[in-house]
Each structure stands twice: as C-alpha cells, then as structure tokens.
Amino acid sequence: MRKSKVEAAAPANRPQTKKAQVLEMLNGGAVSVVEIAEKLSISKQAAYSLIGDVKRGGAAIGGVMKDGAMRYSVTVLKRAKAKPLAFGKGAVVSVAVSTPTATD
C-alpha cells in the first residue's frame, strides 16, 4: 500500500540540521567559533565551514573582536537572488517562420 504525500512527509519532531542550529545561534547574538564547536560537538574547522554555509545561504554575517576572540552574528538576511532561466527556456526571440534564402 502506498503512502500519501502527507504520510510520507518528514516527521515534525525531526532534529534540526547543524546549519540550521548555527543560523539560530547567530541570530541570537554574537557567538564565537569555539562556542559553536562545543555546542554542536564538532571541530572548530567544521564550525567555520558551517558559518560559511550559512553565509552562502543568504545571511550577511558580521564579526567583531571581543575578549581576544572573533564573535560572529547575522547582521541582515539577504534576499534570495533570482535564478536565471535555463538555456532555451527563455522568451522567444522571433516568432516569424524562417524562410530559406538563395544561398541555402
């Protein structure tokens, strides 16, 4: 028996991704890489990567040096960029039927 789309959807109690957790931490205020790494039980390099993922996802990340450690936070959420149309799927350039010329 096939499941309906509603039943096949992910359960609501599914844990957040680490990227979503980092975004939540950055929205909450200035946080250091060490704090992110400790909370998520990951390396500092992985924490830097997740900050980069959040930044590539559209959030403007700002940082300030405080107590000898860089502390990052979300300054402004950027709007998503409009994706260009795939080749050949744009507006038609000419609707006129082409006719062969004498050189064809």
N, C-alpha and C. Protein backbone atom coordinates (compact mmCIF):
# COMPACT_ATOMS: atom_id res chain seq x y z
N MET A 1 0.85 -1.17 0.00
CA MET A 1 0.00 0.00 0.00
C MET A 1 0.89 1.24 0.00
N ARG A 2 0.61 2.18 -0.89
CA ARG A 2 1.43 3.38 -1.00
C ARG A 2 0.99 4.40 0.04
N LYS A 3 1.95 5.14 0.53
CA LYS A 3 1.66 6.20 1.49
C LYS A 3 1.28 7.46 0.74
N SER A 4 0.39 8.22 1.31
CA SER A 4 0.05 9.50 0.70
C SER A 4 1.18 10.48 0.96
N LYS A 5 1.15 11.60 0.27
CA LYS A 5 2.21 12.59 0.43
C LYS A 5 2.26 13.13 1.86
N VAL A 6 1.13 13.22 2.50
CA VAL A 6 1.08 13.73 3.87
C VAL A 6 1.80 12.75 4.81
N GLU A 7 1.57 11.47 4.63
CA GLU A 7 2.20 10.46 5.48
C GLU A 7 3.68 10.32 5.18
N ALA A 8 4.07 10.56 3.92
CA ALA A 8 5.47 10.41 3.52
C ALA A 8 6.32 11.60 3.92
N ALA A 9 5.70 12.69 4.33
CA ALA A 9 6.46 13.89 4.73
C ALA A 9 7.28 13.60 5.98
N ALA A 10 8.35 14.38 6.14
CA ALA A 10 9.22 14.19 7.31
C ALA A 10 8.45 14.48 8.59
N PRO A 11 8.73 13.73 9.64
CA PRO A 11 8.02 13.97 10.91
C PRO A 11 8.39 15.33 11.50
N ALA A 12 7.45 15.90 12.25
CA ALA A 12 7.65 17.22 12.82
C ALA A 12 8.71 17.23 13.92
N ASN A 13 8.94 16.09 14.56
CA ASN A 13 9.92 16.04 15.65
C ASN A 13 11.33 15.71 15.14
N ARG A 14 11.55 15.87 13.87
CA ARG A 14 12.88 15.62 13.28
C ARG A 14 13.86 16.67 13.79
N PRO A 15 15.07 16.26 14.17
CA PRO A 15 16.04 17.24 14.69
C PRO A 15 16.50 18.21 13.61
N GLN A 16 16.87 19.41 14.05
CA GLN A 16 17.36 20.43 13.14
C GLN A 16 18.71 20.02 12.58
N THR A 17 19.02 20.54 11.39
CA THR A 17 20.35 20.32 10.84
C THR A 17 21.34 21.20 11.59
N LYS A 18 22.61 20.89 11.48
CA LYS A 18 23.63 21.70 12.17
C LYS A 18 23.68 23.09 11.57
N LYS A 19 23.46 23.19 10.27
CA LYS A 19 23.44 24.51 9.63
C LYS A 19 22.31 25.36 10.20
N ALA A 20 21.14 24.77 10.40
CA ALA A 20 20.01 25.50 10.97
C ALA A 20 20.29 25.89 12.42
N GLN A 21 20.97 25.02 13.16
CA GLN A 21 21.32 25.34 14.54
C GLN A 21 22.31 26.50 14.60
N VAL A 22 23.28 26.52 13.67
CA VAL A 22 24.26 27.62 13.64
C VAL A 22 23.55 28.91 13.29
N LEU A 23 22.64 28.88 12.31
CA LEU A 23 21.89 30.09 11.95
C LEU A 23 21.10 30.61 13.14
N GLU A 24 20.49 29.71 13.88
CA GLU A 24 19.74 30.10 15.07
C GLU A 24 20.65 30.74 16.12
N MET A 25 21.84 30.17 16.31
CA MET A 25 22.80 30.73 17.27
C MET A 25 23.27 32.11 16.83
N LEU A 26 23.53 32.27 15.53
CA LEU A 26 24.00 33.55 15.01
C LEU A 26 22.90 34.61 15.08
N ASN A 27 21.66 34.21 14.90
CA ASN A 27 20.54 35.16 15.03
C ASN A 27 20.33 35.59 16.48
N GLY A 28 20.71 34.73 17.40
CA GLY A 28 20.53 35.02 18.82
C GLY A 28 21.50 36.05 19.37
N GLY A 29 22.56 36.32 18.68
CA GLY A 29 23.56 37.27 19.15
C GLY A 29 24.95 36.80 18.78
N ALA A 30 25.94 37.58 19.21
CA ALA A 30 27.33 37.28 18.86
C ALA A 30 27.77 35.98 19.53
N VAL A 31 28.36 35.10 18.72
CA VAL A 31 28.81 33.80 19.21
C VAL A 31 30.17 33.49 18.58
N SER A 32 31.04 32.85 19.34
CA SER A 32 32.37 32.53 18.83
C SER A 32 32.36 31.14 18.19
N VAL A 33 33.39 30.88 17.41
CA VAL A 33 33.54 29.59 16.75
C VAL A 33 33.69 28.48 17.79
N VAL A 34 34.40 28.76 18.87
CA VAL A 34 34.60 27.77 19.92
C VAL A 34 33.26 27.40 20.56
N GLU A 35 32.40 28.39 20.80
CA GLU A 35 31.08 28.12 21.38
C GLU A 35 30.23 27.25 20.45
N ILE A 36 30.28 27.55 19.14
CA ILE A 36 29.54 26.74 18.16
C ILE A 36 30.08 25.31 18.17
N ALA A 37 31.40 25.18 18.14
CA ALA A 37 32.01 23.85 18.10
C ALA A 37 31.66 23.04 19.35
N GLU A 38 31.68 23.67 20.52
CA GLU A 38 31.36 22.94 21.76
C GLU A 38 29.90 22.54 21.81
N LYS A 39 29.00 23.45 21.41
CA LYS A 39 27.58 23.15 21.49
C LYS A 39 27.18 22.02 20.55
N LEU A 40 27.79 22.00 19.34
CA LEU A 40 27.42 21.00 18.36
C LEU A 40 28.33 19.77 18.38
N SER A 41 29.34 19.77 19.25
CA SER A 41 30.30 18.67 19.36
C SER A 41 31.00 18.41 18.02
N ILE A 42 31.54 19.48 17.45
CA ILE A 42 32.26 19.39 16.19
C ILE A 42 33.59 20.12 16.34
N SER A 43 34.45 20.00 15.34
CA SER A 43 35.73 20.70 15.37
C SER A 43 35.54 22.18 15.04
N LYS A 44 36.56 22.99 15.34
CA LYS A 44 36.50 24.41 15.01
C LYS A 44 36.43 24.61 13.50
N GLN A 45 37.15 23.78 12.76
CA GLN A 45 37.13 23.90 11.30
C GLN A 45 35.73 23.62 10.75
N ALA A 46 35.04 22.64 11.31
CA ALA A 46 33.67 22.35 10.89
C ALA A 46 32.74 23.51 11.23
N ALA A 47 33.00 24.17 12.35
CA ALA A 47 32.19 25.33 12.73
C ALA A 47 32.40 26.48 11.75
N TYR A 48 33.66 26.70 11.34
CA TYR A 48 33.93 27.72 10.32
C TYR A 48 33.20 27.38 9.02
N SER A 49 33.20 26.11 8.64
CA SER A 49 32.52 25.68 7.42
C SER A 49 31.01 25.92 7.50
N LEU A 50 30.43 25.64 8.66
CA LEU A 50 29.00 25.87 8.82
C LEU A 50 28.66 27.36 8.76
N ILE A 51 29.53 28.21 9.31
CA ILE A 51 29.31 29.65 9.21
C ILE A 51 29.34 30.06 7.74
N GLY A 52 30.28 29.50 6.98
CA GLY A 52 30.36 29.77 5.54
C GLY A 52 29.12 29.28 4.81
N ASP A 53 28.60 28.12 5.19
CA ASP A 53 27.37 27.60 4.57
C ASP A 53 26.20 28.54 4.83
N VAL A 54 26.10 29.04 6.04
CA VAL A 54 25.02 29.98 6.38
C VAL A 54 25.16 31.25 5.55
N LYS A 55 26.40 31.70 5.41
CA LYS A 55 26.66 32.91 4.62
C LYS A 55 26.30 32.70 3.16
N ARG A 56 26.67 31.56 2.59
CA ARG A 56 26.32 31.25 1.21
C ARG A 56 24.82 31.06 1.05
N GLY A 57 24.15 30.72 2.13
CA GLY A 57 22.71 30.54 2.09
C GLY A 57 21.93 31.85 2.06
N GLY A 58 22.61 32.98 2.23
CA GLY A 58 21.93 34.26 2.09
C GLY A 58 21.98 35.16 3.30
N ALA A 59 22.63 34.78 4.36
CA ALA A 59 22.71 35.63 5.55
C ALA A 59 23.99 36.46 5.50
N ALA A 60 23.88 37.72 5.87
CA ALA A 60 25.07 38.58 5.96
C ALA A 60 25.64 38.40 7.36
N ILE A 61 26.85 37.87 7.42
CA ILE A 61 27.50 37.58 8.70
C ILE A 61 28.50 38.68 9.00
N GLY A 62 28.41 39.22 10.20
CA GLY A 62 29.36 40.23 10.65
C GLY A 62 30.12 39.71 11.85
N GLY A 63 31.32 40.22 12.04
CA GLY A 63 32.12 39.77 13.16
C GLY A 63 32.79 40.92 13.88
N VAL A 64 32.95 40.76 15.18
CA VAL A 64 33.66 41.74 16.00
C VAL A 64 34.63 40.99 16.92
N MET A 65 35.76 41.61 17.15
CA MET A 65 36.75 41.02 18.05
C MET A 65 36.38 41.44 19.48
N LYS A 66 36.17 40.46 20.33
CA LYS A 66 35.80 40.75 21.71
C LYS A 66 36.51 39.75 22.61
N ASP A 67 37.22 40.25 23.60
CA ASP A 67 37.94 39.41 24.56
C ASP A 67 38.91 38.46 23.87
N GLY A 68 39.54 38.92 22.81
CA GLY A 68 40.54 38.12 22.12
C GLY A 68 39.97 37.05 21.21
N ALA A 69 38.66 37.00 21.02
CA ALA A 69 38.05 36.00 20.15
C ALA A 69 37.08 36.70 19.19
N MET A 70 37.04 36.22 17.96
CA MET A 70 36.12 36.76 16.98
C MET A 70 34.73 36.23 17.27
N ARG A 71 33.76 37.13 17.33
CA ARG A 71 32.38 36.75 17.61
C ARG A 71 31.52 37.13 16.41
N TYR A 72 30.79 36.17 15.90
CA TYR A 72 30.01 36.34 14.68
C TYR A 72 28.52 36.45 15.00
N SER A 73 27.81 37.17 14.15
CA SER A 73 26.36 37.27 14.26
C SER A 73 25.79 37.63 12.89
N VAL A 74 24.50 37.40 12.72
CA VAL A 74 23.82 37.76 11.49
C VAL A 74 23.49 39.24 11.56
N THR A 75 23.92 39.99 10.55
CA THR A 75 23.63 41.42 10.53
C THR A 75 22.33 41.67 9.79
N VAL A 76 22.18 41.11 8.60
CA VAL A 76 20.98 41.30 7.79
C VAL A 76 20.79 40.04 6.95
N LEU A 77 19.56 39.59 6.84
CA LEU A 77 19.27 38.49 5.94
C LEU A 77 19.12 39.05 4.54
N LYS A 78 19.88 38.51 3.60
CA LYS A 78 19.81 38.97 2.22
C LYS A 78 18.60 38.34 1.54
N ARG A 79 18.12 39.03 0.52
CA ARG A 79 17.04 38.45 -0.28
C ARG A 79 17.63 37.42 -1.22
N ALA A 80 16.87 36.40 -1.51
CA ALA A 80 17.34 35.37 -2.42
C ALA A 80 17.47 35.95 -3.82
N LYS A 81 18.52 35.55 -4.51
CA LYS A 81 18.73 36.01 -5.88
C LYS A 81 17.80 35.27 -6.82
N ALA A 82 17.36 35.99 -7.85
CA ALA A 82 16.53 35.36 -8.86
C ALA A 82 17.41 34.46 -9.71
N LYS A 83 16.98 33.24 -9.92
CA LYS A 83 17.76 32.31 -10.69
C LYS A 83 17.53 32.57 -12.18
N PRO A 84 18.59 32.53 -12.99
CA PRO A 84 18.41 32.73 -14.41
C PRO A 84 17.71 31.53 -15.03
N LEU A 85 17.02 31.79 -16.12
CA LEU A 85 16.34 30.70 -16.80
C LEU A 85 17.36 29.79 -17.47
N ALA A 86 17.02 28.53 -17.59
CA ALA A 86 17.90 27.58 -18.25
C ALA A 86 17.97 27.90 -19.74
N PHE A 87 19.05 27.50 -20.37
CA PHE A 87 19.24 27.77 -21.79
C PHE A 87 18.09 27.20 -22.59
N GLY A 88 17.54 28.01 -23.46
CA GLY A 88 16.47 27.54 -24.34
C GLY A 88 15.09 27.64 -23.73
N LYS A 89 14.97 28.10 -22.51
CA LYS A 89 13.66 28.17 -21.87
C LYS A 89 13.21 29.60 -21.67
N GLY A 90 13.93 30.55 -22.22
CA GLY A 90 13.59 31.95 -22.06
C GLY A 90 12.54 32.38 -23.07
N ALA A 91 12.39 33.68 -23.21
CA ALA A 91 11.44 34.24 -24.15
C ALA A 91 11.87 33.93 -25.58
N VAL A 92 10.90 33.78 -26.44
CA VAL A 92 11.18 33.50 -27.84
C VAL A 92 11.70 34.78 -28.48
N VAL A 93 12.80 34.67 -29.23
CA VAL A 93 13.40 35.84 -29.86
C VAL A 93 12.58 36.28 -31.06
N SER A 94 12.17 35.34 -31.89
CA SER A 94 11.42 35.68 -33.09
C SER A 94 10.36 34.61 -33.29
N VAL A 95 9.14 35.06 -33.56
CA VAL A 95 8.07 34.11 -33.81
C VAL A 95 7.84 33.92 -35.29
N ALA A 96 8.50 34.71 -36.12
CA ALA A 96 8.33 34.59 -37.58
C ALA A 96 9.02 33.30 -38.06
N VAL A 97 8.38 32.64 -39.01
CA VAL A 97 8.93 31.43 -39.59
C VAL A 97 10.08 31.84 -40.51
N SER A 98 11.19 31.15 -40.37
CA SER A 98 12.32 31.49 -41.24
C SER A 98 12.11 30.87 -42.61
N THR A 99 12.53 31.61 -43.62
CA THR A 99 12.39 31.11 -44.99
C THR A 99 13.79 30.90 -45.55
N PRO A 100 13.96 29.87 -46.34
CA PRO A 100 15.27 29.63 -46.93
C PRO A 100 15.66 30.75 -47.90
N THR A 101 16.94 31.04 -47.96
CA THR A 101 17.43 32.06 -48.87
C THR A 101 18.03 31.38 -50.10
N ALA A 102 18.44 32.17 -51.04
CA ALA A 102 19.00 31.63 -52.29
C ALA A 102 20.31 30.89 -52.05
N THR A 103 21.05 31.25 -50.96
CA THR A 103 22.33 30.60 -50.71
C THR A 103 22.19 29.26 -50.02
N ASP A 104 21.01 28.94 -49.49
CA ASP A 104 20.81 27.66 -48.78
C ASP A 104 20.75 26.54 -49.72
